[in-house]
Amino acid sequence: MLETEAWQSGHERGRRGWRVCAPRANGAEMDDTLELEVHDLEVPVLTGIYSEETLLPQPLRISLTVLLDAPAHFAPDTPLSASKNYLDLKFAATTALESEGHFTLIEAVADHICETLFLQDTRVRRVKVKIVKLAIAEAGEAIGITLVRHRR
């Protein structure tokens, strides 16, 4: 297929081979992406501004969605290196937090998770972190924040 024919058929040659590109409304092409998700991790974290919050870890429910550049195709024998190990996401939301000590705001917890994931892998484009403070819920409601960071 000639490059002009490929362009007309919605395919383009990227750095990892041919890929399908969907046109945007403004005529620009969109790259393929992959979202990895880890949801509802219950993690004890030292966080809070009030004295009763700063002595013991608080239970947080952390959910992550990570947007990656995707290869052109996932074959049955595609190695894990073409994607990202889910355990890297879990590490960023658990073990990587332990060494940081006390976080005044849960927003800082979310930022630390984002930074960890951006440093782990240059293919990470966007990280969405949702944190629910379980200790302050009275009737099962979810009270917390959602932070979305894009690679800059």
Protein backbone atom coordinates (compact mmCIF):
# COMPACT_ATOMS: atom_id res chain seq x y z
CA MET A 1 0.00 0.00 0.00
CA LEU A 2 1.39 3.40 -0.96
CA GLU A 3 1.65 6.03 1.74
CA THR A 4 -1.01 8.15 0.03
CA GLU A 5 -3.37 5.18 -0.09
CA ALA A 6 -2.67 4.39 3.54
CA TRP A 7 -3.42 7.96 4.55
CA GLN A 8 -6.72 7.89 2.67
CA SER A 9 -7.73 4.61 4.30
CA GLY A 10 -7.12 5.86 7.85
CA HIS A 11 -3.76 4.16 8.49
CA GLU A 12 -0.40 5.74 9.12
CA ARG A 13 3.13 4.58 9.62
CA GLY A 14 4.24 5.31 13.19
CA ARG A 15 7.52 4.63 14.92
CA ARG A 16 6.28 1.11 15.79
CA GLY A 17 4.78 0.21 12.41
CA TRP A 18 1.43 0.82 10.76
CA ARG A 19 -1.43 1.89 12.99
CA VAL A 20 -5.07 2.79 12.57
CA CYS A 21 -5.85 6.44 13.21
CA ALA A 22 -9.30 7.79 13.82
CA PRO A 23 -9.89 11.31 12.52
CA ARG A 24 -10.81 14.02 15.04
CA ALA A 25 -13.47 16.58 14.33
CA ASN A 26 -10.81 19.15 13.40
CA GLY A 27 -9.17 16.76 10.92
CA ALA A 28 -6.16 15.85 13.10
CA GLU A 29 -5.36 12.19 13.72
CA MET A 30 -5.72 10.43 17.09
CA ASP A 31 -3.15 7.96 18.38
CA ASP A 32 -4.19 4.62 19.84
CA THR A 33 -4.00 4.44 23.62
CA LEU A 34 -4.39 1.85 26.34
CA GLU A 35 -5.98 2.47 29.75
CA LEU A 36 -4.80 0.34 32.65
CA GLU A 37 -6.96 0.35 35.75
CA VAL A 38 -6.55 -0.69 39.36
CA HIS A 39 -9.54 0.11 41.54
CA ASP A 40 -10.52 0.02 45.19
CA LEU A 41 -7.16 -0.56 46.84
CA GLU A 42 -7.58 -0.01 50.59
CA VAL A 43 -4.36 1.59 51.80
CA PRO A 44 -3.46 2.92 55.27
CA VAL A 45 -1.75 6.32 54.81
CA LEU A 46 -0.53 8.93 57.29
CA THR A 47 -2.58 11.92 56.18
CA GLY A 48 -4.63 14.73 57.64
CA ILE A 49 -4.50 18.20 59.13
CA TYR A 50 -6.25 17.64 62.46
CA SER A 51 -4.32 16.26 65.43
CA GLU A 52 -6.54 13.18 65.67
CA GLU A 53 -5.70 12.40 62.02
CA THR A 54 -1.94 12.70 62.26
CA LEU A 55 -1.12 9.97 64.80
CA LEU A 56 -2.33 6.85 63.01
CA PRO A 57 -2.66 5.96 59.32
CA GLN A 58 -6.09 6.60 57.83
CA PRO A 59 -7.73 4.07 55.54
CA LEU A 60 -7.98 5.39 51.99
CA ARG A 61 -9.63 3.72 48.99
CA ILE A 62 -7.44 4.46 45.98
CA SER A 63 -8.35 3.87 42.33
CA LEU A 64 -6.03 4.52 39.38
CA THR A 65 -6.49 4.85 35.65
CA VAL A 66 -3.31 5.21 33.59
CA LEU A 67 -3.32 6.17 29.92
CA LEU A 68 -0.42 4.75 27.87
CA ASP A 69 0.69 4.93 24.28
CA ALA A 70 -0.47 1.67 22.71
CA PRO A 71 1.40 -0.41 20.15
CA ALA A 72 -0.20 -0.90 16.75
CA HIS A 73 -1.35 -4.41 17.65
CA PHE A 74 -1.37 -6.90 20.53
CA ALA A 75 -0.63 -10.38 19.12
CA PRO A 76 -1.18 -13.50 21.24
CA ASP A 77 2.57 -13.66 21.94
CA THR A 78 3.07 -9.95 22.64
CA PRO A 79 5.45 -9.58 25.61
CA LEU A 80 4.48 -7.73 28.80
CA SER A 81 6.98 -5.01 27.90
CA ALA A 82 4.52 -3.83 25.20
CA SER A 83 2.07 -2.94 27.97
CA LYS A 84 2.61 -2.13 31.64
CA ASN A 85 2.51 -4.45 34.60
CA TYR A 86 -0.55 -3.80 36.79
CA LEU A 87 1.67 -4.37 39.83
CA ASP A 88 3.51 -1.13 38.94
CA LEU A 89 0.24 0.73 39.48
CA LYS A 90 -0.36 -1.08 42.76
CA PHE A 91 3.22 -0.29 43.89
CA ALA A 92 2.69 3.45 43.22
CA ALA A 93 -0.46 3.45 45.39
CA THR A 94 0.92 1.32 48.23
CA THR A 95 4.61 0.66 48.82
CA ALA A 96 5.83 3.92 47.21
CA LEU A 97 3.69 5.90 49.69
CA GLU A 98 5.10 4.23 52.80
CA SER A 99 8.51 5.90 52.57
CA GLU A 100 7.10 9.43 52.33
CA GLY A 101 5.83 9.76 55.89
CA HIS A 102 2.93 12.15 56.57
CA PHE A 103 0.89 13.85 53.83
CA THR A 104 -1.08 16.89 54.98
CA LEU A 105 -3.57 16.64 52.10
CA ILE A 106 -4.86 13.65 50.18
CA GLU A 107 -4.21 15.76 47.08
CA ALA A 108 -0.50 15.34 47.88
CA VAL A 109 -1.00 11.57 48.10
CA ALA A 110 -2.55 11.62 44.62
CA ASP A 111 0.27 13.79 43.27
CA HIS A 112 2.90 11.42 44.67
CA ILE A 113 1.21 8.49 42.92
CA CYS A 114 1.14 10.41 39.63
CA GLU A 115 4.81 11.37 39.90
CA THR A 116 5.80 7.79 40.69
CA LEU A 117 4.00 6.48 37.59
CA PHE A 118 5.42 9.18 35.30
CA LEU A 119 8.93 8.37 36.51
CA GLN A 120 8.41 4.60 36.06
CA ASP A 121 7.49 4.72 32.39
CA THR A 122 7.83 7.36 29.68
CA ARG A 123 4.82 5.91 27.83
CA VAL A 124 2.47 7.08 30.61
CA ARG A 125 0.55 10.05 29.21
CA ARG A 126 -2.07 10.65 31.88
CA VAL A 127 -2.79 9.43 35.39
CA LYS A 128 -6.16 9.69 37.11
CA VAL A 129 -6.20 9.05 40.86
CA LYS A 130 -9.39 8.84 42.89
CA ILE A 131 -9.04 8.78 46.67
CA VAL A 132 -11.87 8.21 49.12
CA LYS A 133 -11.35 8.87 52.85
CA LEU A 134 -13.03 5.87 54.43
CA ALA A 135 -12.76 7.06 58.04
CA ILE A 136 -15.06 10.05 57.57
CA ALA A 137 -17.91 8.28 55.79
CA GLU A 138 -20.96 7.97 58.02
CA ALA A 139 -23.55 6.32 55.80
CA GLY A 140 -21.49 4.66 53.09
CA GLU A 141 -20.95 7.85 51.08
CA ALA A 142 -17.70 8.34 49.18
CA ILE A 143 -15.92 11.53 50.30
CA GLY A 144 -12.67 12.35 48.57
CA ILE A 145 -10.93 13.75 45.51
CA THR A 146 -10.05 12.90 41.94
CA LEU A 147 -6.82 14.27 40.47
CA VAL A 148 -5.87 14.02 36.80
CA ARG A 149 -2.32 14.81 35.73
CA HIS A 150 -0.93 14.84 32.19
CA ARG A 151 2.71 14.34 31.28
CA ARG A 152 4.30 17.73 30.64
